[in-house]
Amino acid sequence: MTANARRLADFKKITIVAEAVLLEPIKREVIAAGASGLTVASVFGQGTRGLGATTLDGENVRIETIVEPGAAEALMARLAEKFFENYAVIAWMNDVKVMRSEKFAPSLKPKTR
């Protein structure tokens, strides 16, 4: 195991819950912000507006990604600008420590000969 694989690195995990119809546009924003990947799950819940979406209203999705801190701030600002005013979308970020940091930041990938 390489030293980099054992070392913890500081990143941000962004979680977005949105109307499923926004999945593709949000995925594009996440990748454009520098994420190397994301995880998507179908979800439902209740928030400030009361009961969440029903089957007739459409599904919601939770999108999670891990990015470098600077990219996280930019992505959150972009999500707010493009989606918050007109759609049911929330987003938050948490500090996380990851192993194998090169999986989350292309600039950290080891150089090959």
C-alpha atoms as a PDB file:
ATOM      1  CA  MET A   1       0.000   0.000   0.000  1.00  0.00           C
ATOM      2  CA  THR A   2       1.395   3.420  -0.926  1.00  0.00           C
ATOM      3  CA  ALA A   3       1.864   6.167   1.663  1.00  0.00           C
ATOM      4  CA  ASN A   4      -0.755   8.276  -0.127  1.00  0.00           C
ATOM      5  CA  ALA A   5      -3.320   5.476   0.176  1.00  0.00           C
ATOM      6  CA  ARG A   6      -2.895   5.471   3.979  1.00  0.00           C
ATOM      7  CA  ARG A   7      -2.912   9.240   4.501  1.00  0.00           C
ATOM      8  CA  LEU A   8      -6.138  11.117   5.224  1.00  0.00           C
ATOM      9  CA  ALA A   9      -6.799  14.249   3.186  1.00  0.00           C
ATOM     10  CA  ASP A  10      -9.291  17.065   3.811  1.00  0.00           C
ATOM     11  CA  PHE A  11     -12.164  17.394   1.353  1.00  0.00           C
ATOM     12  CA  LYS A  12     -15.791  18.514   1.331  1.00  0.00           C
ATOM     13  CA  LYS A  13     -18.798  16.249   0.841  1.00  0.00           C
ATOM     14  CA  ILE A  14     -21.695  17.992  -0.847  1.00  0.00           C
ATOM     15  CA  THR A  15     -25.171  16.544  -0.520  1.00  0.00           C
ATOM     16  CA  ILE A  16     -27.968  17.804  -2.770  1.00  0.00           C
ATOM     17  CA  VAL A  17     -31.622  16.800  -2.526  1.00  0.00           C
ATOM     18  CA  ALA A  18     -33.640  17.840  -5.561  1.00  0.00           C
ATOM     19  CA  GLU A  19     -36.537  17.042  -7.824  1.00  0.00           C
ATOM     20  CA  ALA A  20     -35.555  14.056  -9.977  1.00  0.00           C
ATOM     21  CA  VAL A  21     -36.137  16.085 -13.133  1.00  0.00           C
ATOM     22  CA  LEU A  22     -33.006  18.068 -12.171  1.00  0.00           C
ATOM     23  CA  LEU A  23     -30.712  15.043 -11.966  1.00  0.00           C
ATOM     24  CA  GLU A  24     -28.975  15.516 -15.313  1.00  0.00           C
ATOM     25  CA  PRO A  25     -28.490  19.317 -15.040  1.00  0.00           C
ATOM     26  CA  ILE A  26     -27.140  18.952 -11.494  1.00  0.00           C
ATOM     27  CA  LYS A  27     -24.847  16.092 -12.531  1.00  0.00           C
ATOM     28  CA  ARG A  28     -23.402  18.366 -15.232  1.00  0.00           C
ATOM     29  CA  GLU A  29     -22.749  21.100 -12.650  1.00  0.00           C
ATOM     30  CA  VAL A  30     -21.106  18.633 -10.246  1.00  0.00           C
ATOM     31  CA  ILE A  31     -18.751  17.279 -12.919  1.00  0.00           C
ATOM     32  CA  ALA A  32     -18.016  20.794 -14.224  1.00  0.00           C
ATOM     33  CA  ALA A  33     -16.999  21.783 -10.674  1.00  0.00           C
ATOM     34  CA  GLY A  34     -14.247  19.169 -10.755  1.00  0.00           C
ATOM     35  CA  ALA A  35     -15.856  16.143  -9.125  1.00  0.00           C
ATOM     36  CA  SER A  36     -14.522  12.828 -10.351  1.00  0.00           C
ATOM     37  CA  GLY A  37     -17.787  11.063  -9.562  1.00  0.00           C
ATOM     38  CA  LEU A  38     -21.037  11.128  -7.633  1.00  0.00           C
ATOM     39  CA  THR A  39     -23.586   8.897  -5.953  1.00  0.00           C
ATOM     40  CA  VAL A  40     -27.332   9.147  -6.628  1.00  0.00           C
ATOM     41  CA  ALA A  41     -30.231   7.672  -4.656  1.00  0.00           C
ATOM     42  CA  SER A  42     -33.993   8.025  -4.926  1.00  0.00           C
ATOM     43  CA  VAL A  43     -35.360   9.589  -1.715  1.00  0.00           C
ATOM     44  CA  PHE A  44     -38.471  11.032  -0.130  1.00  0.00           C
ATOM     45  CA  GLY A  45     -39.083  13.092   2.975  1.00  0.00           C
ATOM     46  CA  GLN A  46     -40.784  16.032   4.593  1.00  0.00           C
ATOM     47  CA  GLY A  47     -39.528  19.594   4.878  1.00  0.00           C
ATOM     48  CA  THR A  48     -40.679  23.124   5.555  1.00  0.00           C
ATOM     49  CA  ARG A  49     -43.420  22.842   2.958  1.00  0.00           C
ATOM     50  CA  GLY A  50     -44.923  19.778   4.627  1.00  0.00           C
ATOM     51  CA  LEU A  51     -45.052  16.371   3.007  1.00  0.00           C
ATOM     52  CA  GLY A  52     -42.554  15.830   0.223  1.00  0.00           C
ATOM     53  CA  ALA A  53     -43.213  14.829  -3.357  1.00  0.00           C
ATOM     54  CA  THR A  54     -45.666  12.047  -4.021  1.00  0.00           C
ATOM     55  CA  THR A  55     -45.609   9.607  -6.898  1.00  0.00           C
ATOM     56  CA  LEU A  56     -47.879  11.959  -8.842  1.00  0.00           C
ATOM     57  CA  ASP A  57     -45.596  14.938  -8.209  1.00  0.00           C
ATOM     58  CA  GLY A  58     -42.435  13.071  -9.111  1.00  0.00           C
ATOM     59  CA  GLU A  59     -39.495  11.617  -7.234  1.00  0.00           C
ATOM     60  CA  ASN A  60     -36.647  13.298  -5.422  1.00  0.00           C
ATOM     61  CA  VAL A  61     -32.986  12.370  -5.655  1.00  0.00           C
ATOM     62  CA  ARG A  62     -30.061  12.714  -3.293  1.00  0.00           C
ATOM     63  CA  ILE A  63     -26.777  13.432  -5.042  1.00  0.00           C
ATOM     64  CA  GLU A  64     -23.534  13.184  -3.088  1.00  0.00           C
ATOM     65  CA  THR A  65     -20.045  14.053  -4.199  1.00  0.00           C
ATOM     66  CA  ILE A  66     -16.643  14.702  -2.639  1.00  0.00           C
ATOM     67  CA  VAL A  67     -14.579  17.605  -3.925  1.00  0.00           C
ATOM     68  CA  GLU A  68     -11.698  19.849  -2.944  1.00  0.00           C
ATOM     69  CA  PRO A  69     -12.695  22.745  -0.625  1.00  0.00           C
ATOM     70  CA  GLY A  70     -12.392  25.482  -3.270  1.00  0.00           C
ATOM     71  CA  ALA A  71     -14.504  23.520  -5.717  1.00  0.00           C
ATOM     72  CA  ALA A  72     -17.143  22.958  -3.030  1.00  0.00           C
ATOM     73  CA  GLU A  73     -17.702  26.668  -2.453  1.00  0.00           C
ATOM     74  CA  ALA A  74     -17.967  27.305  -6.188  1.00  0.00           C
ATOM     75  CA  LEU A  75     -20.377  24.404  -6.690  1.00  0.00           C
ATOM     76  CA  MET A  76     -22.649  25.535  -3.848  1.00  0.00           C
ATOM     77  CA  ALA A  77     -22.788  29.050  -5.314  1.00  0.00           C
ATOM     78  CA  ARG A  78     -23.571  27.689  -8.781  1.00  0.00           C
ATOM     79  CA  LEU A  79     -26.361  25.436  -7.456  1.00  0.00           C
ATOM     80  CA  ALA A  80     -27.932  28.363  -5.612  1.00  0.00           C
ATOM     81  CA  GLU A  81     -27.706  30.578  -8.689  1.00  0.00           C
ATOM     82  CA  LYS A  82     -29.184  28.070 -11.139  1.00  0.00           C
ATOM     83  CA  PHE A  83     -31.733  26.084  -9.129  1.00  0.00           C
ATOM     84  CA  PHE A  84     -32.751  27.410  -5.718  1.00  0.00           C
ATOM     85  CA  GLU A  85     -35.187  30.109  -6.797  1.00  0.00           C
ATOM     86  CA  ASN A  86     -37.365  28.001  -9.081  1.00  0.00           C
ATOM     87  CA  TYR A  87     -37.035  24.411  -7.876  1.00  0.00           C
ATOM     88  CA  ALA A  88     -37.300  22.294  -4.729  1.00  0.00           C
ATOM     89  CA  VAL A  89     -33.574  21.893  -4.055  1.00  0.00           C
ATOM     90  CA  ILE A  90     -31.490  21.940  -0.899  1.00  0.00           C
ATOM     91  CA  ALA A  91     -27.766  21.432  -0.525  1.00  0.00           C
ATOM     92  CA  TRP A  92     -25.271  21.237   2.300  1.00  0.00           C
ATOM     93  CA  MET A  93     -21.625  20.421   2.768  1.00  0.00           C
ATOM     94  CA  ASN A  94     -19.598  18.680   5.422  1.00  0.00           C
ATOM     95  CA  ASP A  95     -15.907  18.406   6.125  1.00  0.00           C
ATOM     96  CA  VAL A  96     -14.653  14.896   5.417  1.00  0.00           C
ATOM     97  CA  LYS A  97     -11.314  13.131   5.517  1.00  0.00           C
ATOM     98  CA  VAL A  98     -10.684  10.628   2.769  1.00  0.00           C
ATOM     99  CA  MET A  99      -8.111   8.012   1.996  1.00  0.00           C
ATOM    100  CA  ARG A 100      -6.959   7.534  -1.593  1.00  0.00           C
ATOM    101  CA  SER A 101      -7.296  11.264  -2.187  1.00  0.00           C
ATOM    102  CA  GLU A 102      -6.175  10.886  -5.798  1.00  0.00           C
ATOM    103  CA  LYS A 103      -9.610   9.365  -6.488  1.00  0.00           C
ATOM    104  CA  PHE A 104     -11.254  12.687  -5.606  1.00  0.00           C
ATOM    105  CA  ALA A 105      -8.735  15.218  -6.941  1.00  0.00           C
ATOM    106  CA  PRO A 106      -7.210  14.641 -10.372  1.00  0.00           C
ATOM    107  CA  SER A 107      -4.282  16.911  -9.483  1.00  0.00           C
ATOM    108  CA  LEU A 108      -3.218  14.406  -6.789  1.00  0.00           C
ATOM    109  CA  LYS A 109      -3.027  11.369  -9.068  1.00  0.00           C
ATOM    110  CA  PRO A 110       0.434   9.829  -9.032  1.00  0.00           C
ATOM    111  CA  LYS A 111       2.525  10.474 -12.108  1.00  0.00           C
ATOM    112  CA  THR A 112       3.253   7.445 -14.265  1.00  0.00           C
ATOM    113  CA  ARG A 113       6.538   6.989 -16.030  1.00  0.00           C
END
